Amino acid sequence: MPVRIWRKPLDAEKIKVKKAEVHILKNQCKGCGFCIEFCPKQVLETSDELNIKGSHPPKIVDETKCALCGFCTAVCPDFAIFTIEKDCKEGC
């Protein structure tokens, strides 16, 4: 159950929230589901498509919820997923 914050930090308007890009190497994935199971923000879910290994790689549900924690990258045994911070020079 997620923790709900009942108050707003005093400097909330000064903080810039980083935007994430989630990259999935679909044909490298073996479909273990660790990234889906352990994502703290539920950014991923199992897709219906099959990759060349015959497994169902994850798909991105809502990339805007990604907190750039990198946990998906850390738990993936096949190095098939990674996140990077979006370059917001053009506007996000």
PDB file of N, CA and C in Angstrom:
ATOM      1  N   MET A   1       0.844  -1.168   0.000  1.00  0.00           N
ATOM      2  CA  MET A   1       0.000   0.000   0.000  1.00  0.00           C
ATOM      3  C   MET A   1       0.897   1.242   0.000  1.00  0.00           C
ATOM      4  N   PRO A   2       0.720   2.165  -0.967  1.00  0.00           N
ATOM      5  CA  PRO A   2       1.576   3.341  -1.032  1.00  0.00           C
ATOM      6  C   PRO A   2       1.314   4.296   0.128  1.00  0.00           C
ATOM      7  N   VAL A   3       2.360   4.986   0.505  1.00  0.00           N
ATOM      8  CA  VAL A   3       2.260   5.974   1.577  1.00  0.00           C
ATOM      9  C   VAL A   3       1.700   7.265   0.996  1.00  0.00           C
ATOM     10  N   ARG A   4       0.698   7.792   1.633  1.00  0.00           N
ATOM     11  CA  ARG A   4       0.109   9.051   1.165  1.00  0.00           C
ATOM     12  C   ARG A   4       0.695  10.206   1.977  1.00  0.00           C
ATOM     13  N   ILE A   5       1.130  11.219   1.290  1.00  0.00           N
ATOM     14  CA  ILE A   5       1.675  12.398   1.950  1.00  0.00           C
ATOM     15  C   ILE A   5       0.531  13.378   2.139  1.00  0.00           C
ATOM     16  N   TRP A   6       0.321  13.774   3.361  1.00  0.00           N
ATOM     17  CA  TRP A   6      -0.823  14.612   3.672  1.00  0.00           C
ATOM     18  C   TRP A   6      -0.478  16.087   3.707  1.00  0.00           C
ATOM     19  N   ARG A   7       0.775  16.413   3.525  1.00  0.00           N
ATOM     20  CA  ARG A   7       1.138  17.820   3.500  1.00  0.00           C
ATOM     21  C   ARG A   7       2.101  18.078   2.353  1.00  0.00           C
ATOM     22  N   LYS A   8       2.196  19.319   1.964  1.00  0.00           N
ATOM     23  CA  LYS A   8       3.027  19.724   0.842  1.00  0.00           C
ATOM     24  C   LYS A   8       4.303  20.388   1.376  1.00  0.00           C
ATOM     25  N   PRO A   9       5.471  20.021   0.856  1.00  0.00           N
ATOM     26  CA  PRO A   9       6.703  20.671   1.305  1.00  0.00           C
ATOM     27  C   PRO A   9       6.672  22.175   1.011  1.00  0.00           C
ATOM     28  N   LEU A  10       7.328  22.961   1.860  1.00  0.00           N
ATOM     29  CA  LEU A  10       7.309  24.415   1.719  1.00  0.00           C
ATOM     30  C   LEU A  10       7.996  24.889   0.437  1.00  0.00           C
ATOM     31  N   ASP A  11       8.972  24.148  -0.045  1.00  0.00           N
ATOM     32  CA  ASP A  11       9.695  24.541  -1.258  1.00  0.00           C
ATOM     33  C   ASP A  11       9.294  23.719  -2.479  1.00  0.00           C
ATOM     34  N   ALA A  12       8.091  23.213  -2.512  1.00  0.00           N
ATOM     35  CA  ALA A  12       7.645  22.330  -3.598  1.00  0.00           C
ATOM     36  C   ALA A  12       7.692  23.003  -4.964  1.00  0.00           C
ATOM     37  N   GLU A  13       7.411  24.289  -5.022  1.00  0.00           N
ATOM     38  CA  GLU A  13       7.416  24.971  -6.323  1.00  0.00           C
ATOM     39  C   GLU A  13       8.823  25.234  -6.840  1.00  0.00           C
ATOM     40  N   LYS A  14       9.824  25.128  -5.993  1.00  0.00           N
ATOM     41  CA  LYS A  14      11.209  25.333  -6.414  1.00  0.00           C
ATOM     42  C   LYS A  14      11.834  24.056  -6.969  1.00  0.00           C
ATOM     43  N   ILE A  15      11.250  22.931  -6.674  1.00  0.00           N
ATOM     44  CA  ILE A  15      11.793  21.636  -7.076  1.00  0.00           C
ATOM     45  C   ILE A  15      11.359  21.307  -8.502  1.00  0.00           C
ATOM     46  N   LYS A  16      12.330  20.927  -9.338  1.00  0.00           N
ATOM     47  CA  LYS A  16      12.016  20.467 -10.688  1.00  0.00           C
ATOM     48  C   LYS A  16      11.992  18.952 -10.673  1.00  0.00           C
ATOM     49  N   VAL A  17      10.878  18.374 -11.028  1.00  0.00           N
ATOM     50  CA  VAL A  17      10.764  16.922 -11.086  1.00  0.00           C
ATOM     51  C   VAL A  17      11.392  16.445 -12.390  1.00  0.00           C
ATOM     52  N   LYS A  18      12.292  15.496 -12.279  1.00  0.00           N
ATOM     53  CA  LYS A  18      12.972  14.973 -13.460  1.00  0.00           C
ATOM     54  C   LYS A  18      12.023  14.105 -14.268  1.00  0.00           C
ATOM     55  N   LYS A  19      12.112  14.207 -15.573  1.00  0.00           N
ATOM     56  CA  LYS A  19      11.320  13.391 -16.491  1.00  0.00           C
ATOM     57  C   LYS A  19      12.170  12.218 -16.954  1.00  0.00           C
ATOM     58  N   ALA A  20      11.535  11.073 -17.093  1.00  0.00           N
ATOM     59  CA  ALA A  20      12.267   9.853 -17.426  1.00  0.00           C
ATOM     60  C   ALA A  20      11.929   9.341 -18.814  1.00  0.00           C
ATOM     61  N   GLU A  21      12.892   8.657 -19.387  1.00  0.00           N
ATOM     62  CA  GLU A  21      12.688   7.864 -20.598  1.00  0.00           C
ATOM     63  C   GLU A  21      13.015   6.428 -20.223  1.00  0.00           C
ATOM     64  N   VAL A  22      12.060   5.531 -20.417  1.00  0.00           N
ATOM     65  CA  VAL A  22      12.273   4.116 -20.133  1.00  0.00           C
ATOM     66  C   VAL A  22      12.537   3.413 -21.450  1.00  0.00           C
ATOM     67  N   HIS A  23      13.653   2.708 -21.522  1.00  0.00           N
ATOM     68  CA  HIS A  23      14.027   1.995 -22.739  1.00  0.00           C
ATOM     69  C   HIS A  23      14.024   0.491 -22.466  1.00  0.00           C
ATOM     70  N   ILE A  24      13.302  -0.234 -23.301  1.00  0.00           N
ATOM     71  CA  ILE A  24      13.208  -1.684 -23.168  1.00  0.00           C
ATOM     72  C   ILE A  24      13.792  -2.331 -24.419  1.00  0.00           C
ATOM     73  N   LEU A  25      14.764  -3.198 -24.246  1.00  0.00           N
ATOM     74  CA  LEU A  25      15.339  -3.956 -25.354  1.00  0.00           C
ATOM     75  C   LEU A  25      14.544  -5.254 -25.444  1.00  0.00           C
ATOM     76  N   LYS A  26      13.471  -5.214 -26.220  1.00  0.00           N
ATOM     77  CA  LYS A  26      12.471  -6.284 -26.221  1.00  0.00           C
ATOM     78  C   LYS A  26      13.033  -7.643 -26.590  1.00  0.00           C
ATOM     79  N   ASN A  27      13.908  -7.707 -27.568  1.00  0.00           N
ATOM     80  CA  ASN A  27      14.432  -9.011 -28.000  1.00  0.00           C
ATOM     81  C   ASN A  27      15.505  -9.560 -27.079  1.00  0.00           C
ATOM     82  N   GLN A  28      15.960  -8.775 -26.138  1.00  0.00           N
ATOM     83  CA  GLN A  28      16.934  -9.230 -25.155  1.00  0.00           C
ATOM     84  C   GLN A  28      16.241  -9.767 -23.891  1.00  0.00           C
ATOM     85  N   CYS A  29      14.963  -9.447 -23.723  1.00  0.00           N
ATOM     86  CA  CYS A  29      14.194  -9.812 -22.533  1.00  0.00           C
ATOM     87  C   CYS A  29      13.793 -11.285 -22.568  1.00  0.00           C
ATOM     88  N   LYS A  30      13.878 -11.958 -21.408  1.00  0.00           N
ATOM     89  CA  LYS A  30      13.426 -13.349 -21.320  1.00  0.00           C
ATOM     90  C   LYS A  30      12.085 -13.467 -20.609  1.00  0.00           C
ATOM     91  N   GLY A  31      11.479 -12.340 -20.235  1.00  0.00           N
ATOM     92  CA  GLY A  31      10.140 -12.343 -19.664  1.00  0.00           C
ATOM     93  C   GLY A  31      10.059 -12.774 -18.213  1.00  0.00           C
ATOM     94  N   CYS A  32      11.089 -12.531 -17.432  1.00  0.00           N
ATOM     95  CA  CYS A  32      11.076 -12.962 -16.025  1.00  0.00           C
ATOM     96  C   CYS A  32      10.080 -12.156 -15.189  1.00  0.00           C
ATOM     97  N   GLY A  33       9.839 -10.898 -15.558  1.00  0.00           N
ATOM     98  CA  GLY A  33       8.863 -10.077 -14.852  1.00  0.00           C
ATOM     99  C   GLY A  33       9.381  -9.372 -13.618  1.00  0.00           C
ATOM    100  N   PHE A  34      10.682  -9.445 -13.344  1.00  0.00           N
ATOM    101  CA  PHE A  34      11.226  -8.773 -12.171  1.00  0.00           C
ATOM    102  C   PHE A  34      11.007  -7.263 -12.230  1.00  0.00           C
ATOM    103  N   CYS A  35      11.211  -6.671 -13.394  1.00  0.00           N
ATOM    104  CA  CYS A  35      11.053  -5.216 -13.528  1.00  0.00           C
ATOM    105  C   CYS A  35       9.613  -4.799 -13.258  1.00  0.00           C
ATOM    106  N   ILE A  36       8.669  -5.607 -13.681  1.00  0.00           N
ATOM    107  CA  ILE A  36       7.248  -5.310 -13.462  1.00  0.00           C
ATOM    108  C   ILE A  36       6.899  -5.481 -11.989  1.00  0.00           C
ATOM    109  N   GLU A  37       7.345  -6.569 -11.406  1.00  0.00           N
ATOM    110  CA  GLU A  37       6.995  -6.908 -10.027  1.00  0.00           C
ATOM    111  C   GLU A  37       7.578  -5.933  -9.006  1.00  0.00           C
ATOM    112  N   PHE A  38       8.803  -5.478  -9.234  1.00  0.00           N
ATOM    113  CA  PHE A  38       9.482  -4.675  -8.229  1.00  0.00           C
ATOM    114  C   PHE A  38       9.490  -3.174  -8.505  1.00  0.00           C
ATOM    115  N   CYS A  39       8.852  -2.711  -9.557  1.00  0.00           N
ATOM    116  CA  CYS A  39       8.787  -1.272  -9.835  1.00  0.00           C
ATOM    117  C   CYS A  39       7.939  -0.587  -8.755  1.00  0.00           C
ATOM    118  N   PRO A  40       8.495   0.371  -8.031  1.00  0.00           N
ATOM    119  CA  PRO A  40       7.739   1.014  -6.955  1.00  0.00           C
ATOM    120  C   PRO A  40       6.596   1.897  -7.446  1.00  0.00           C
ATOM    121  N   LYS A  41       6.610   2.288  -8.703  1.00  0.00           N
ATOM    122  CA  LYS A  41       5.586   3.180  -9.249  1.00  0.00           C
ATOM    123  C   LYS A  41       4.651   2.500 -10.242  1.00  0.00           C
ATOM    124  N   GLN A  42       4.771   1.196 -10.447  1.00  0.00           N
ATOM    125  CA  GLN A  42       3.953   0.423 -11.377  1.00  0.00           C
ATOM    126  C   GLN A  42       3.927   1.056 -12.773  1.00  0.00           C
ATOM    127  N   VAL A  43       5.108   1.311 -13.301  1.00  0.00           N
ATOM    128  CA  VAL A  43       5.257   1.923 -14.622  1.00  0.00           C
ATOM    129  C   VAL A  43       5.110   0.886 -15.735  1.00  0.00           C
ATOM    130  N   LEU A  44       5.350  -0.385 -15.435  1.00  0.00           N
ATOM    131  CA  LEU A  44       5.385  -1.434 -16.452  1.00  0.00           C
ATOM    132  C   LEU A  44       4.310  -2.484 -16.229  1.00  0.00           C
ATOM    133  N   GLU A  45       3.959  -3.158 -17.335  1.00  0.00           N
ATOM    134  CA  GLU A  45       3.084  -4.332 -17.267  1.00  0.00           C
ATOM    135  C   GLU A  45       3.492  -5.277 -18.386  1.00  0.00           C
ATOM    136  N   THR A  46       3.028  -6.514 -18.336  1.00  0.00           N
ATOM    137  CA  THR A  46       3.361  -7.504 -19.355  1.00  0.00           C
ATOM    138  C   THR A  46       2.626  -7.183 -20.650  1.00  0.00           C
ATOM    139  N   SER A  47       3.342  -7.232 -21.750  1.00  0.00           N
ATOM    140  CA  SER A  47       2.726  -6.963 -23.050  1.00  0.00           C
ATOM    141  C   SER A  47       2.167  -8.244 -23.644  1.00  0.00           C
ATOM    142  N   ASP A  48       1.372  -8.098 -24.682  1.00  0.00           N
ATOM    143  CA  ASP A  48       0.793  -9.240 -25.378  1.00  0.00           C
ATOM    144  C   ASP A  48       1.685  -9.736 -26.508  1.00  0.00           C
ATOM    145  N   GLU A  49       2.662  -8.928 -26.911  1.00  0.00           N
ATOM    146  CA  GLU A  49       3.517  -9.319 -28.033  1.00  0.00           C
ATOM    147  C   GLU A  49       4.593 -10.314 -27.585  1.00  0.00           C
ATOM    148  N   LEU A  50       5.077 -11.064 -28.533  1.00  0.00           N
ATOM    149  CA  LEU A  50       6.155 -12.023 -28.298  1.00  0.00           C
ATOM    150  C   LEU A  50       7.435 -11.502 -28.935  1.00  0.00           C
ATOM    151  N   ASN A  51       8.543 -11.709 -28.259  1.00  0.00           N
ATOM    152  CA  ASN A  51       9.820 -11.334 -28.849  1.00  0.00           C
ATOM    153  C   ASN A  51      10.440 -12.550 -29.541  1.00  0.00           C
ATOM    154  N   ILE A  52      11.686 -12.431 -29.993  1.00  0.00           N
ATOM    155  CA  ILE A  52      12.306 -13.535 -30.729  1.00  0.00           C
ATOM    156  C   ILE A  52      12.603 -14.747 -29.850  1.00  0.00           C
ATOM    157  N   LYS A  53      12.618 -14.542 -28.517  1.00  0.00           N
ATOM    158  CA  LYS A  53      12.835 -15.652 -27.585  1.00  0.00           C
ATOM    159  C   LYS A  53      11.536 -16.357 -27.224  1.00  0.00           C
ATOM    160  N   GLY A  54      10.408 -15.798 -27.682  1.00  0.00           N
ATOM    161  CA  GLY A  54       9.115 -16.395 -27.391  1.00  0.00           C
ATOM    162  C   GLY A  54       8.540 -15.995 -26.052  1.00  0.00           C
ATOM    163  N   SER A  55       9.031 -14.924 -25.482  1.00  0.00           N
ATOM    164  CA  SER A  55       8.511 -14.461 -24.193  1.00  0.00           C
ATOM    165  C   SER A  55       7.813 -13.109 -24.355  1.00  0.00           C
ATOM    166  N   HIS A  56       7.085 -12.735 -23.337  1.00  0.00           N
ATOM    167  CA  HIS A  56       6.353 -11.473 -23.339  1.00  0.00           C
ATOM    168  C   HIS A  56       7.166 -10.413 -22.598  1.00  0.00           C
ATOM    169  N   PRO A  57       7.765  -9.469 -23.325  1.00  0.00           N
ATOM    170  CA  PRO A  57       8.529  -8.410 -22.651  1.00  0.00           C
ATOM    171  C   PRO A  57       7.574  -7.409 -21.984  1.00  0.00           C
ATOM    172  N   PRO A  58       8.080  -6.577 -21.102  1.00  0.00           N
ATOM    173  CA  PRO A  58       7.218  -5.578 -20.473  1.00  0.00           C
ATOM    174  C   PRO A  58       6.868  -4.461 -21.451  1.00  0.00           C
ATOM    175  N   LYS A  59       5.794  -3.758 -21.137  1.00  0.00           N
ATOM    176  CA  LYS A  59       5.460  -2.553 -21.889  1.00  0.00           C
ATOM    177  C   LYS A  59       5.244  -1.435 -20.880  1.00  0.00           C
ATOM    178  N   ILE A  60       5.422  -0.225 -21.346  1.00  0.00           N
ATOM    179  CA  ILE A  60       5.314   0.946 -20.490  1.00  0.00           C
ATOM    180  C   ILE A  60       3.854   1.343 -20.368  1.00  0.00           C
ATOM    181  N   VAL A  61       3.366   1.446 -19.135  1.00  0.00           N
ATOM    182  CA  VAL A  61       1.990   1.860 -18.886  1.00  0.00           C
ATOM    183  C   VAL A  61       1.915   3.376 -18.822  1.00  0.00           C
ATOM    184  N   ASP A  62       2.745   3.983 -17.968  1.00  0.00           N
ATOM    185  CA  ASP A  62       2.741   5.441 -17.795  1.00  0.00           C
ATOM    186  C   ASP A  62       4.150   5.894 -17.449  1.00  0.00           C
ATOM    187  N   GLU A  63       4.862   6.361 -18.447  1.00  0.00           N
ATOM    188  CA  GLU A  63       6.248   6.780 -18.275  1.00  0.00           C
ATOM    189  C   GLU A  63       6.373   7.996 -17.361  1.00  0.00           C
ATOM    190  N   THR A  64       5.335   8.796 -17.254  1.00  0.00           N
ATOM    191  CA  THR A  64       5.388   9.992 -16.409  1.00  0.00           C
ATOM    192  C   THR A  64       5.465   9.665 -14.929  1.00  0.00           C
ATOM    193  N   LYS A  65       5.095   8.442 -14.539  1.00  0.00           N
ATOM    194  CA  LYS A  65       5.164   8.034 -13.136  1.00  0.00           C
ATOM    195  C   LYS A  65       6.554   7.559 -12.730  1.00  0.00           C
ATOM    196  N   CYS A  66       7.440   7.358 -13.689  1.00  0.00           N
ATOM    197  CA  CYS A  66       8.777   6.841 -13.406  1.00  0.00           C
ATOM    198  C   CYS A  66       9.559   7.828 -12.539  1.00  0.00           C
ATOM    199  N   ALA A  67      10.158   7.324 -11.456  1.00  0.00           N
ATOM    200  CA  ALA A  67      10.904   8.145 -10.507  1.00  0.00           C
ATOM    201  C   ALA A  67      12.412   8.105 -10.757  1.00  0.00           C
ATOM    202  N   LEU A  68      12.847   7.482 -11.841  1.00  0.00           N
ATOM    203  CA  LEU A  68      14.257   7.343 -12.178  1.00  0.00           C
ATOM    204  C   LEU A  68      15.059   6.675 -11.060  1.00  0.00           C
ATOM    205  N   CYS A  69      14.467   5.714 -10.388  1.00  0.00           N
ATOM    206  CA  CYS A  69      15.164   5.031  -9.287  1.00  0.00           C
ATOM    207  C   CYS A  69      16.192   4.042  -9.818  1.00  0.00           C
ATOM    208  N   GLY A  70      15.994   3.531 -11.037  1.00  0.00           N
ATOM    209  CA  GLY A  70      16.928   2.586 -11.630  1.00  0.00           C
ATOM    210  C   GLY A  70      16.796   1.172 -11.106  1.00  0.00           C
ATOM    211  N   PHE A  71      15.750   0.916 -10.346  1.00  0.00           N
ATOM    212  CA  PHE A  71      15.602  -0.421  -9.771  1.00  0.00           C
ATOM    213  C   PHE A  71      15.327  -1.463 -10.844  1.00  0.00           C
ATOM    214  N   CYS A  72      14.581  -1.108 -11.882  1.00  0.00           N
ATOM    215  CA  CYS A  72      14.312  -2.044 -12.974  1.00  0.00           C
ATOM    216  C   CYS A  72      15.616  -2.484 -13.640  1.00  0.00           C
ATOM    217  N   THR A  73      16.522  -1.555 -13.808  1.00  0.00           N
ATOM    218  CA  THR A  73      17.822  -1.861 -14.400  1.00  0.00           C
ATOM    219  C   THR A  73      18.620  -2.789 -13.493  1.00  0.00           C
ATOM    220  N   ALA A  74      18.543  -2.554 -12.198  1.00  0.00           N
ATOM    221  CA  ALA A  74      19.313  -3.342 -11.240  1.00  0.00           C
ATOM    222  C   ALA A  74      18.816  -4.788 -11.133  1.00  0.00           C
ATOM    223  N   VAL A  75      17.508  -5.010 -11.244  1.00  0.00           N
ATOM    224  CA  VAL A  75      16.976  -6.365 -11.062  1.00  0.00           C
ATOM    225  C   VAL A  75      16.903  -7.166 -12.355  1.00  0.00           C
ATOM    226  N   CYS A  76      17.094  -6.536 -13.501  1.00  0.00           N
ATOM    227  CA  CYS A  76      16.993  -7.252 -14.778  1.00  0.00           C
ATOM    228  C   CYS A  76      18.231  -8.127 -15.000  1.00  0.00           C
ATOM    229  N   PRO A  77      18.059  -9.450 -15.063  1.00  0.00           N
ATOM    230  CA  PRO A  77      19.211 -10.335 -15.256  1.00  0.00           C
ATOM    231  C   PRO A  77      19.780 -10.294 -16.673  1.00  0.00           C
ATOM    232  N   ASP A  78      19.022  -9.757 -17.618  1.00  0.00           N
ATOM    233  CA  ASP A  78      19.454  -9.728 -19.021  1.00  0.00           C
ATOM    234  C   ASP A  78      19.854  -8.347 -19.512  1.00  0.00           C
ATOM    235  N   PHE A  79      19.872  -7.354 -18.630  1.00  0.00           N
ATOM    236  CA  PHE A  79      20.209  -5.975 -18.999  1.00  0.00           C
ATOM    237  C   PHE A  79      19.334  -5.494 -20.153  1.00  0.00           C
ATOM    238  N   ALA A  80      18.035  -5.780 -20.073  1.00  0.00           N
ATOM    239  CA  ALA A  80      17.109  -5.485 -21.156  1.00  0.00           C
ATOM    240  C   ALA A  80      16.292  -4.223 -20.925  1.00  0.00           C
ATOM    241  N   ILE A  81      16.522  -3.520 -19.825  1.00  0.00           N
ATOM    242  CA  ILE A  81      15.761  -2.302 -19.545  1.00  0.00           C
ATOM    243  C   ILE A  81      16.672  -1.296 -18.846  1.00  0.00           C
ATOM    244  N   PHE A  82      16.493  -0.034 -19.209  1.00  0.00           N
ATOM    245  CA  PHE A  82      17.227   1.026 -18.534  1.00  0.00           C
ATOM    246  C   PHE A  82      16.439   2.327 -18.633  1.00  0.00           C
ATOM    247  N   THR A  83      16.753   3.254 -17.748  1.00  0.00           N
ATOM    248  CA  THR A  83      16.085   4.558 -17.740  1.00  0.00           C
ATOM    249  C   THR A  83      17.130   5.644 -17.852  1.00  0.00           C
ATOM    250  N   ILE A  84      16.757   6.733 -18.504  1.00  0.00           N
ATOM    251  CA  ILE A  84      17.610   7.908 -18.563  1.00  0.00           C
ATOM    252  C   ILE A  84      16.751   9.140 -18.328  1.00  0.00           C
ATOM    253  N   GLU A  85      17.399  10.207 -17.917  1.00  0.00           N
ATOM    254  CA  GLU A  85      16.674  11.456 -17.710  1.00  0.00           C
ATOM    255  C   GLU A  85      16.470  12.150 -19.057  1.00  0.00           C
ATOM    256  N   LYS A  86      15.230  12.618 -19.282  1.00  0.00           N
ATOM    257  CA  LYS A  86      14.935  13.317 -20.534  1.00  0.00           C
ATOM    258  C   LYS A  86      15.652  14.658 -20.569  1.00  0.00           C
ATOM    259  N   ASP A  87      16.065  15.031 -21.747  1.00  0.00           N
ATOM    260  CA  ASP A  87      16.665  16.337 -21.961  1.00  0.00           C
ATOM    261  C   ASP A  87      15.514  17.319 -22.190  1.00  0.00           C
ATOM    262  N   CYS A  88      15.299  18.197 -21.255  1.00  0.00           N
ATOM    263  CA  CYS A  88      14.140  19.097 -21.314  1.00  0.00           C
ATOM    264  C   CYS A  88      14.499  20.478 -21.849  1.00  0.00           C
ATOM    265  N   LYS A  89      15.505  20.573 -22.696  1.00  0.00           N
ATOM    266  CA  LYS A  89      15.872  21.869 -23.274  1.00  0.00           C
ATOM    267  C   LYS A  89      14.807  22.368 -24.239  1.00  0.00           C
ATOM    268  N   GLU A  90      14.164  21.422 -24.960  1.00  0.00           N
ATOM    269  CA  GLU A  90      13.115  21.791 -25.892  1.00  0.00           C
ATOM    270  C   GLU A  90      11.767  21.898 -25.202  1.00  0.00           C
ATOM    271  N   GLY A  91      11.695  21.539 -23.935  1.00  0.00           N
ATOM    272  CA  GLY A  91      10.429  21.530 -23.197  1.00  0.00           C
ATOM    273  C   GLY A  91       9.868  20.123 -23.110  1.00  0.00           C
ATOM    274  N   CYS A  92       9.424  19.761 -21.939  1.00  0.00           N
ATOM    275  CA  CYS A  92       8.895  18.415 -21.733  1.00  0.00           C
ATOM    276  C   CYS A  92       7.392  18.403 -21.626  1.00  0.00           C
TER     277      CYS A  92
END
